[in-house]
Amino acid sequence: MSAGARKIQRIYLTLTLGNTVAASFIWGINTLFLLDAGLSNLEAFAANAFFTVGMVLFEVPTGVVADGWGRRVSFLLGTVTLAVTTYFYYVLWQLSAPFWWWAVVSVLLGLGFTFFSGAVEAWLVDALRFEGYEGGLEEVLGRGVMVSGVAMLVGSVAGGVIAQITDLGVPFLIRVGVLLAMFVVAFRLMHDVGFTPERSAHPLRATRAVLRASTENGLKNPPVRYVMLAAPFSAGVGIYVFYALQPYLLELFGDPRAYSVAGLAAALVAGADVLGGWLAPRIRRRVRKRTTLLVLSGGIAAIILVVLGFTHVFWVALVLLTLWAVVDAASVPVRQAYLNDMIPSKQRATVLSFDSLIGSSGGVVVQPLLGRSADAYGYAASLAIGGVIQLIAVPFLVASRRQGHPADLSNAPSGKAAL
């Protein structure tokens, strides 16, 4: 890796660290925060579903912003939008606002995150290629997952402890402050490299052109399409599981106000992310096809969820949660490297945003469905149902594998030892 590529990697890891710390201050307590505001389980997970509705609505438009106005502009808009809407969440909690206010602000929170999704990853890949980096993307993206895990570990534990010492609203205010600090950091360090935004005097015409090209390289490209179609089942379930584990583990622990335990659950997921990010490129060196890892990880993660749904012992549930998170984290860099190697630079942010949109659309349906299952049958049963739903993603990944795209073998290991 050249000096220029190392600099790009450092900036990427810095942005990942700051953003994840900011976001994770509330990850360990978000469901408890919503329930404390007076929402039922159904309403709490429906509020999360409206967050994913916001991501569905705004993913492609913000991807067009990133491809048309620059990935830096998109990132800066994301920090401001997310800071403002997080503060609105705090205000709603103070007022014990009715559900529909939560729904509206959750949609706007989704808008904030869509400015990040696709833009940062597209910025990284184009900048690395510009600096002459020709290695496997799993190495850099795996480091990103590891840094994200460390940041999540710090943020989630701190958020849970701070909530227990003070109240459930303080971590949200801390998140606002960190996001504003990240605006300053990104403004100084992040510049579009290896990519020139094509700002048009006719924005609607330019948007249609970008969307048309993105569709050609996205849904109309079979190996990409099948990976995208798997996302609603895996991503939708993953979002639900992460947030449902907070009240589920508190229920197993026996103390509904042990907020630090909820933070511990998020911290274990964070530690598993670090391990998974470290494992991803190392496992990849032993496996010829990226889709082999994707299919195996999807099936194993689903089975773990089913087993977790029948677990009633707190410490056993923690172990299973950790295994699930490691398997999931190890697949993320491989999946994203596979997608990026099939997408051209000019439409990269939009196609990645569209991929995120499809994954979020699954959350719109899956989260309230599983939330209703939790109300009717309990959290354990809802997790088992989630595992069954996640299994639906596996046939789509197998279909992508059958297309035989060169990206599946990109940077593949050689020799008989490779699987």
Protein backbone atom coordinates (compact mmCIF):
# COMPACT_ATOMS: atom_id res chain seq x y z
CA MET A 1 0.00 0.00 0.00
CA SER A 2 1.41 3.38 -1.06
CA ALA A 3 1.72 6.36 1.28
CA GLY A 4 -1.25 8.01 -0.41
CA ALA A 5 -3.38 4.90 0.01
CA ARG A 6 -2.40 4.64 3.67
CA LYS A 7 -3.50 8.24 4.18
CA ILE A 8 -6.87 7.51 2.57
CA GLN A 9 -7.26 4.47 4.80
CA ARG A 10 -6.46 6.53 7.92
CA ILE A 11 -9.07 9.13 7.01
CA TYR A 12 -11.64 6.41 6.32
CA LEU A 13 -10.94 4.74 9.67
CA THR A 14 -11.13 8.12 11.46
CA LEU A 15 -14.52 8.88 9.94
CA THR A 16 -15.73 5.37 10.74
CA LEU A 17 -14.52 5.66 14.34
CA GLY A 18 -16.17 9.02 14.97
CA ASN A 19 -19.46 8.18 13.31
CA THR A 20 -19.80 4.83 15.05
CA VAL A 21 -18.98 6.27 18.47
CA ALA A 22 -21.66 8.91 17.93
CA ALA A 23 -24.27 6.41 16.75
CA SER A 24 -23.51 3.74 19.36
CA PHE A 25 -24.12 5.94 22.40
CA ILE A 26 -27.80 5.08 22.01
CA TRP A 27 -27.60 1.60 20.47
CA GLY A 28 -27.56 -0.18 23.83
CA ILE A 29 -30.57 1.70 25.18
CA ASN A 30 -32.64 2.78 22.18
CA THR A 31 -35.47 0.28 22.66
CA LEU A 32 -35.54 0.97 26.40
CA PHE A 33 -35.63 4.72 25.62
CA LEU A 34 -38.69 4.26 23.38
CA LEU A 35 -40.46 2.05 25.91
CA ASP A 36 -39.67 4.56 28.68
CA ALA A 37 -41.33 7.25 26.55
CA GLY A 38 -44.59 5.28 26.82
CA LEU A 39 -44.53 3.30 23.57
CA SER A 40 -45.58 -0.36 23.43
CA ASN A 41 -43.35 -3.05 21.91
CA LEU A 42 -45.31 -2.78 18.67
CA GLU A 43 -45.01 1.03 18.63
CA ALA A 44 -41.30 0.95 19.53
CA PHE A 45 -40.42 -1.39 16.70
CA ALA A 46 -42.82 0.43 14.40
CA ALA A 47 -40.86 3.62 15.16
CA ASN A 48 -37.71 1.75 14.15
CA ALA A 49 -39.57 0.63 11.03
CA PHE A 50 -40.36 4.26 10.18
CA PHE A 51 -36.63 4.92 10.49
CA THR A 52 -36.09 2.32 7.79
CA VAL A 53 -38.95 3.88 5.78
CA GLY A 54 -36.89 7.07 5.80
CA MET A 55 -33.91 5.13 4.52
CA VAL A 56 -36.03 3.57 1.77
CA LEU A 57 -37.40 6.96 0.71
CA PHE A 58 -34.11 8.83 0.71
CA GLU A 59 -31.41 6.24 -0.10
CA VAL A 60 -31.40 6.79 -3.87
CA PRO A 61 -31.84 10.62 -3.79
CA THR A 62 -28.94 10.98 -1.34
CA GLY A 63 -26.90 8.53 -3.42
CA VAL A 64 -27.48 10.83 -6.38
CA VAL A 65 -26.31 13.74 -4.21
CA ALA A 66 -23.11 11.81 -3.47
CA ASP A 67 -22.49 10.96 -7.13
CA GLY A 68 -23.59 14.37 -8.45
CA TRP A 69 -22.35 16.79 -5.78
CA GLY A 70 -19.60 14.82 -4.09
CA ARG A 71 -19.18 12.25 -1.35
CA ARG A 72 -17.77 14.92 0.98
CA VAL A 73 -20.88 17.08 0.61
CA SER A 74 -23.06 14.06 1.33
CA PHE A 75 -21.12 13.20 4.49
CA LEU A 76 -21.32 16.75 5.84
CA LEU A 77 -25.06 16.92 5.21
CA GLY A 78 -25.45 13.62 7.04
CA THR A 79 -23.72 14.81 10.22
CA VAL A 80 -25.89 17.94 10.45
CA THR A 81 -29.16 16.15 9.67
CA LEU A 82 -28.48 13.37 12.14
CA ALA A 83 -27.47 15.78 14.91
CA VAL A 84 -30.67 17.82 14.55
CA THR A 85 -33.00 14.82 14.38
CA THR A 86 -31.32 13.11 17.34
CA TYR A 87 -32.01 16.23 19.39
CA PHE A 88 -35.65 16.07 18.27
CA TYR A 89 -35.78 12.50 19.60
CA TYR A 90 -34.64 13.79 22.99
CA VAL A 91 -37.36 16.45 22.96
CA LEU A 92 -40.05 13.86 22.13
CA TRP A 93 -38.88 11.73 25.07
CA GLN A 94 -39.10 14.74 27.38
CA LEU A 95 -42.66 15.43 26.23
CA SER A 96 -43.81 11.76 26.18
CA ALA A 97 -45.03 12.56 22.69
CA PRO A 98 -47.63 10.43 20.88
CA PHE A 99 -46.49 7.73 18.47
CA TRP A 100 -46.99 9.61 15.21
CA TRP A 101 -44.47 12.29 16.24
CA TRP A 102 -41.95 9.52 16.78
CA ALA A 103 -42.80 8.15 13.34
CA VAL A 104 -42.13 11.50 11.63
CA VAL A 105 -38.81 12.13 13.38
CA SER A 106 -37.73 8.52 12.80
CA VAL A 107 -38.19 9.05 9.06
CA LEU A 108 -35.96 12.13 9.27
CA LEU A 109 -33.36 10.14 11.24
CA GLY A 110 -33.35 7.70 8.34
CA LEU A 111 -32.64 10.63 6.01
CA GLY A 112 -29.56 11.49 8.07
CA PHE A 113 -28.11 8.00 7.78
CA THR A 114 -28.75 7.77 4.04
CA PHE A 115 -26.31 10.62 3.45
CA PHE A 116 -23.60 8.31 4.86
CA SER A 117 -24.59 4.98 3.30
CA GLY A 118 -22.86 4.45 0.00
CA ALA A 119 -21.03 7.78 0.08
CA VAL A 120 -18.22 6.89 2.50
CA GLU A 121 -17.60 3.48 0.97
CA ALA A 122 -17.67 4.90 -2.57
CA TRP A 123 -15.24 7.64 -1.50
CA LEU A 124 -12.87 5.05 -0.03
CA VAL A 125 -12.85 2.66 -3.01
CA ASP A 126 -12.35 5.39 -5.64
CA ALA A 127 -9.65 7.13 -3.61
CA LEU A 128 -7.76 3.85 -3.03
CA ARG A 129 -7.88 3.00 -6.74
CA PHE A 130 -6.66 6.51 -7.58
CA GLU A 131 -3.69 6.02 -5.24
CA GLY A 132 -2.79 2.77 -7.01
CA TYR A 133 -4.03 0.27 -4.44
CA GLU A 134 -4.64 -3.08 -6.15
CA GLY A 135 -5.06 -5.36 -3.13
CA GLY A 136 -8.25 -7.02 -1.96
CA LEU A 137 -10.84 -4.64 -0.55
CA GLU A 138 -11.54 -7.12 2.26
CA GLU A 139 -8.34 -5.97 3.99
CA VAL A 140 -9.37 -2.31 4.26
CA LEU A 141 -13.09 -2.92 4.75
CA GLY A 142 -12.24 -5.53 7.40
CA ARG A 143 -10.21 -2.91 9.27
CA GLY A 144 -13.22 -0.63 9.00
CA VAL A 145 -15.40 -3.28 10.64
CA MET A 146 -12.80 -3.71 13.39
CA VAL A 147 -12.59 0.02 14.08
CA SER A 148 -16.37 0.22 14.02
CA GLY A 149 -16.48 -2.59 16.57
CA VAL A 150 -14.05 -0.83 18.91
CA ALA A 151 -16.04 2.40 18.58
CA MET A 152 -19.26 0.56 19.24
CA LEU A 153 -17.71 -1.10 22.28
CA VAL A 154 -16.75 2.27 23.74
CA GLY A 155 -19.96 4.06 22.79
CA SER A 156 -22.46 1.39 23.78
CA VAL A 157 -20.88 0.65 27.18
CA ALA A 158 -20.53 4.37 27.90
CA GLY A 159 -24.10 5.00 26.80
CA GLY A 160 -25.50 2.26 29.04
CA VAL A 161 -23.47 3.34 32.08
CA ILE A 162 -24.24 7.03 31.55
CA ALA A 163 -27.95 6.24 31.20
CA GLN A 164 -27.90 4.31 34.46
CA ILE A 165 -26.04 7.07 36.32
CA THR A 166 -28.11 9.92 34.85
CA ASP A 167 -31.12 9.08 32.67
CA LEU A 168 -31.95 7.60 29.28
CA GLY A 169 -31.86 10.99 27.54
CA VAL A 170 -28.26 12.03 28.23
CA PRO A 171 -26.64 9.60 25.71
CA PHE A 172 -28.74 11.22 22.98
CA LEU A 173 -27.34 14.66 23.84
CA ILE A 174 -23.79 13.25 23.81
CA ARG A 175 -24.46 11.83 20.35
CA VAL A 176 -25.44 15.30 19.11
CA GLY A 177 -22.16 16.76 20.36
CA VAL A 178 -19.99 14.05 18.79
CA LEU A 179 -21.77 14.42 15.43
CA LEU A 180 -21.11 18.15 15.36
CA ALA A 181 -17.44 17.47 16.12
CA MET A 182 -17.35 14.99 13.21
CA PHE A 183 -18.64 17.69 10.89
CA VAL A 184 -15.51 19.71 11.66
CA VAL A 185 -13.20 16.69 11.24
CA ALA A 186 -14.72 15.69 7.89
CA PHE A 187 -14.68 19.28 6.63
CA ARG A 188 -10.92 19.41 7.19
CA LEU A 189 -9.84 15.89 6.18
CA MET A 190 -12.27 14.48 3.64
CA HIS A 191 -11.86 15.57 0.00
CA ASP A 192 -13.07 13.78 -3.13
CA VAL A 193 -10.06 11.96 -4.62
CA GLY A 194 -10.20 9.89 -7.79
CA PHE A 195 -13.73 11.07 -8.44
CA THR A 196 -15.06 14.27 -10.01
CA PRO A 197 -18.68 15.15 -9.20
CA GLU A 198 -20.74 15.90 -12.31
CA ARG A 199 -22.82 18.85 -11.19
CA SER A 200 -25.48 19.59 -13.77
CA ALA A 201 -27.43 22.72 -14.63
CA HIS A 202 -30.40 20.38 -15.03
CA PRO A 203 -30.55 18.43 -11.74
CA LEU A 204 -33.70 16.44 -12.57
CA ARG A 205 -32.26 15.35 -15.90
CA ALA A 206 -28.98 14.44 -14.23
CA THR A 207 -30.84 12.49 -11.53
CA ARG A 208 -32.71 10.46 -14.14
CA ALA A 209 -29.46 9.73 -15.98
CA VAL A 210 -27.72 8.55 -12.81
CA LEU A 211 -30.69 6.42 -11.80
CA ARG A 212 -30.89 4.87 -15.26
CA ALA A 213 -27.19 3.97 -15.23
CA SER A 214 -27.44 2.73 -11.64
CA THR A 215 -30.33 0.45 -12.54
CA GLU A 216 -28.32 -1.00 -15.41
CA ASN A 217 -25.43 -1.76 -13.07
CA GLY A 218 -27.66 -2.76 -10.16
CA LEU A 219 -30.94 -4.63 -10.48
CA LYS A 220 -30.41 -5.40 -14.17
CA ASN A 221 -27.04 -6.98 -13.42
CA PRO A 222 -27.93 -10.55 -12.26
CA PRO A 223 -25.08 -11.27 -9.78
CA VAL A 224 -25.61 -7.84 -8.16
CA ARG A 225 -29.38 -8.22 -8.23
CA TYR A 226 -29.39 -11.50 -6.34
CA VAL A 227 -27.11 -10.16 -3.61
CA MET A 228 -29.44 -7.17 -3.26
CA LEU A 229 -32.55 -9.36 -3.11
CA ALA A 230 -31.05 -11.31 -0.22
CA ALA A 231 -30.62 -8.11 1.79
CA PRO A 232 -34.24 -7.54 2.98
CA PHE A 233 -34.25 -10.87 4.81
CA SER A 234 -30.78 -10.68 6.38
CA ALA A 235 -30.63 -6.93 7.08
CA GLY A 236 -34.25 -6.65 8.25
CA VAL A 237 -33.80 -9.48 10.75
CA GLY A 238 -30.38 -8.19 11.84
CA ILE A 239 -31.77 -4.76 12.76
CA TYR A 240 -34.60 -6.31 14.77
CA VAL A 241 -32.35 -8.76 16.59
CA PHE A 242 -29.91 -6.08 17.68
CA TYR A 243 -32.60 -3.94 19.27
CA ALA A 244 -34.76 -6.80 20.58
CA LEU A 245 -31.77 -8.22 22.46
CA GLN A 246 -31.86 -5.24 24.83
CA PRO A 247 -35.20 -6.01 26.51
CA TYR A 248 -34.74 -9.78 25.94
CA LEU A 249 -31.47 -9.92 27.88
CA LEU A 250 -32.84 -7.67 30.60
CA GLU A 251 -35.76 -10.07 30.88
CA LEU A 252 -33.38 -13.03 31.23
CA PHE A 253 -31.20 -11.08 33.68
CA GLY A 254 -34.21 -10.34 35.87
CA ASP A 255 -33.73 -6.58 36.37
CA PRO A 256 -35.62 -4.32 33.90
CA ARG A 257 -33.59 -1.26 34.98
CA ALA A 258 -30.11 -2.78 34.56
CA TYR A 259 -29.30 -0.48 31.62
CA SER A 260 -25.62 -1.35 31.84
CA VAL A 261 -26.54 -4.95 30.91
CA ALA A 262 -28.15 -3.63 27.72
CA GLY A 263 -24.93 -1.73 27.08
CA LEU A 264 -22.97 -4.93 27.72
CA ALA A 265 -25.00 -6.74 25.06
CA ALA A 266 -24.17 -4.07 22.51
CA ALA A 267 -20.54 -4.18 23.64
CA LEU A 268 -20.36 -7.94 23.03
CA VAL A 269 -21.66 -7.36 19.52
CA ALA A 270 -18.98 -4.69 19.13
CA GLY A 271 -16.23 -7.04 20.29
CA ALA A 272 -17.55 -9.66 17.90
CA ASP A 273 -17.38 -7.07 15.11
CA VAL A 274 -13.70 -6.54 15.86
CA LEU A 275 -13.05 -10.28 15.71
CA GLY A 276 -15.20 -10.70 12.59
CA GLY A 277 -13.46 -7.84 10.78
CA TRP A 278 -10.09 -9.38 11.64
CA LEU A 279 -11.20 -12.83 10.49
CA ALA A 280 -12.76 -11.76 7.17
CA PRO A 281 -9.59 -11.29 5.06
CA ARG A 282 -7.93 -14.28 6.72
CA ILE A 283 -10.82 -16.61 5.95
CA ARG A 284 -10.95 -15.15 2.44
CA ARG A 285 -7.35 -16.29 1.88
CA ARG A 286 -8.57 -19.86 2.40
CA VAL A 287 -11.73 -19.64 0.30
CA ARG A 288 -11.69 -19.20 -3.48
CA LYS A 289 -15.17 -17.77 -3.95
CA ARG A 290 -16.60 -14.89 -1.98
CA THR A 291 -20.10 -16.30 -2.33
CA THR A 292 -19.02 -19.44 -0.46
CA LEU A 293 -18.49 -17.31 2.64
CA LEU A 294 -21.74 -15.42 2.11
CA VAL A 295 -23.85 -18.56 1.79
CA LEU A 296 -22.25 -20.27 4.80
CA SER A 297 -22.44 -17.19 7.03
CA GLY A 298 -26.10 -16.58 6.14
CA GLY A 299 -27.10 -20.15 6.97
CA ILE A 300 -25.08 -20.35 10.20
CA ALA A 301 -26.37 -16.98 11.48
CA ALA A 302 -29.97 -18.05 10.87
CA ILE A 303 -29.49 -21.33 12.75
CA ILE A 304 -27.93 -19.50 15.71
CA LEU A 305 -31.00 -17.23 15.92
CA VAL A 306 -33.33 -20.20 15.97
CA VAL A 307 -31.31 -21.76 18.82
CA LEU A 308 -31.20 -18.41 20.63
CA GLY A 309 -34.99 -18.30 20.49
CA PHE A 310 -35.16 -21.45 22.64
CA THR A 311 -32.59 -20.23 25.18
CA HIS A 312 -33.72 -19.12 28.64
CA VAL A 313 -30.34 -18.85 30.40
CA PHE A 314 -28.75 -15.38 30.41
CA TRP A 315 -25.11 -16.40 29.92
CA VAL A 316 -25.92 -18.94 27.21
CA ALA A 317 -27.83 -16.22 25.37
CA LEU A 318 -24.77 -13.94 25.58
CA VAL A 319 -22.54 -16.63 24.07
CA LEU A 320 -24.97 -17.26 21.21
CA LEU A 321 -25.32 -13.54 20.63
CA THR A 322 -21.54 -13.24 20.35
CA LEU A 323 -21.33 -16.12 17.86
CA TRP A 324 -24.12 -14.63 15.76
CA ALA A 325 -22.37 -11.25 15.68
CA VAL A 326 -18.97 -12.75 14.73
CA VAL A 327 -20.47 -14.70 11.82
CA ASP A 328 -22.39 -11.64 10.63
CA ALA A 329 -19.40 -9.28 10.95
CA ALA A 330 -17.05 -11.62 9.07
CA SER A 331 -19.41 -11.62 6.08
CA VAL A 332 -19.77 -7.82 5.78
CA PRO A 333 -16.34 -6.96 4.24
CA VAL A 334 -16.62 -9.90 1.85
CA ARG A 335 -20.09 -8.89 0.69
CA GLN A 336 -19.12 -5.25 0.19
CA ALA A 337 -15.90 -6.15 -1.63
CA TYR A 338 -17.90 -8.46 -3.92
CA LEU A 339 -20.41 -5.69 -4.71
CA ASN A 340 -17.80 -2.96 -5.23
CA ASP A 341 -15.87 -5.10 -7.70
CA MET A 342 -19.04 -5.37 -9.81
CA ILE A 343 -19.96 -1.64 -9.79
CA PRO A 344 -18.44 1.13 -11.98
CA SER A 345 -17.06 4.22 -10.24
CA LYS A 346 -19.48 6.84 -11.56
CA GLN A 347 -22.55 5.07 -10.20
CA ARG A 348 -20.89 3.51 -7.16
CA ALA A 349 -22.53 5.62 -4.42
CA THR A 350 -25.99 5.39 -5.98
CA VAL A 351 -25.85 1.62 -6.49
CA LEU A 352 -24.55 1.10 -2.95
CA SER A 353 -27.31 3.37 -1.67
CA PHE A 354 -29.85 1.37 -3.66
CA ASP A 355 -28.49 -1.80 -2.08
CA SER A 356 -28.96 -0.21 1.34
CA LEU A 357 -32.48 0.84 0.31
CA ILE A 358 -33.47 -2.73 -0.51
CA GLY A 359 -32.04 -3.96 2.78
CA SER A 360 -33.91 -1.25 4.67
CA SER A 361 -37.17 -2.14 2.91
CA GLY A 362 -36.98 -5.52 4.61
CA GLY A 363 -36.74 -3.77 7.96
CA VAL A 364 -39.94 -1.85 7.23
CA VAL A 365 -41.86 -5.13 7.17
CA VAL A 366 -39.77 -7.41 9.37
CA GLN A 367 -39.37 -5.14 12.42
CA PRO A 368 -43.07 -4.50 13.19
CA LEU A 369 -43.88 -8.13 12.27
CA LEU A 370 -41.33 -9.49 14.75
CA GLY A 371 -42.25 -6.77 17.27
CA ARG A 372 -45.86 -7.97 17.13
CA SER A 373 -44.58 -11.53 17.55
CA ALA A 374 -42.71 -10.42 20.67
CA ASP A 375 -45.92 -8.91 22.09
CA ALA A 376 -47.89 -12.08 21.34
CA TYR A 377 -45.39 -14.88 22.02
CA GLY A 378 -42.38 -13.29 23.76
CA TYR A 379 -38.93 -12.16 22.62
CA ALA A 380 -37.49 -15.69 22.43
CA ALA A 381 -40.10 -16.83 19.91
CA SER A 382 -39.65 -13.68 17.82
CA LEU A 383 -35.91 -14.39 17.54
CA ALA A 384 -36.57 -17.94 16.35
CA ILE A 385 -39.03 -16.62 13.75
CA GLY A 386 -36.35 -14.12 12.69
CA GLY A 387 -33.91 -16.97 12.09
CA VAL A 388 -36.39 -18.68 9.77
CA ILE A 389 -36.90 -15.45 7.83
CA GLN A 390 -33.13 -14.94 7.48
CA LEU A 391 -32.78 -18.38 5.88
CA ILE A 392 -34.76 -17.05 2.91
CA ALA A 393 -31.71 -14.98 1.94
CA VAL A 394 -29.54 -18.05 1.26
CA PRO A 395 -31.11 -19.13 -2.09
CA PHE A 396 -30.57 -15.64 -3.51
CA LEU A 397 -26.88 -15.79 -2.59
CA VAL A 398 -26.62 -19.20 -4.25
CA ALA A 399 -28.22 -17.69 -7.38
CA SER A 400 -25.59 -14.91 -7.43
CA ARG A 401 -22.86 -17.54 -7.13
CA ARG A 402 -24.21 -19.38 -10.18
CA GLN A 403 -23.70 -16.29 -12.37
CA GLY A 404 -19.92 -16.86 -12.27
CA HIS A 405 -18.96 -13.17 -12.17
CA PRO A 406 -15.16 -12.57 -12.08
CA ALA A 407 -15.60 -10.56 -8.85
CA ASP A 408 -16.43 -13.80 -7.06
CA LEU A 409 -12.84 -14.94 -7.65
CA SER A 410 -11.14 -11.55 -7.36
CA ASN A 411 -7.93 -11.79 -5.28
CA ALA A 412 -8.73 -15.48 -4.77
CA PRO A 413 -6.15 -17.70 -3.05
CA SER A 414 -4.28 -20.20 -5.19
CA GLY A 415 -3.33 -23.77 -4.45
CA LYS A 416 -5.09 -26.88 -3.31
CA ALA A 417 -5.53 -25.58 0.21
CA ALA A 418 -8.12 -23.07 -0.97
CA LEU A 419 -11.75 -24.18 -0.54
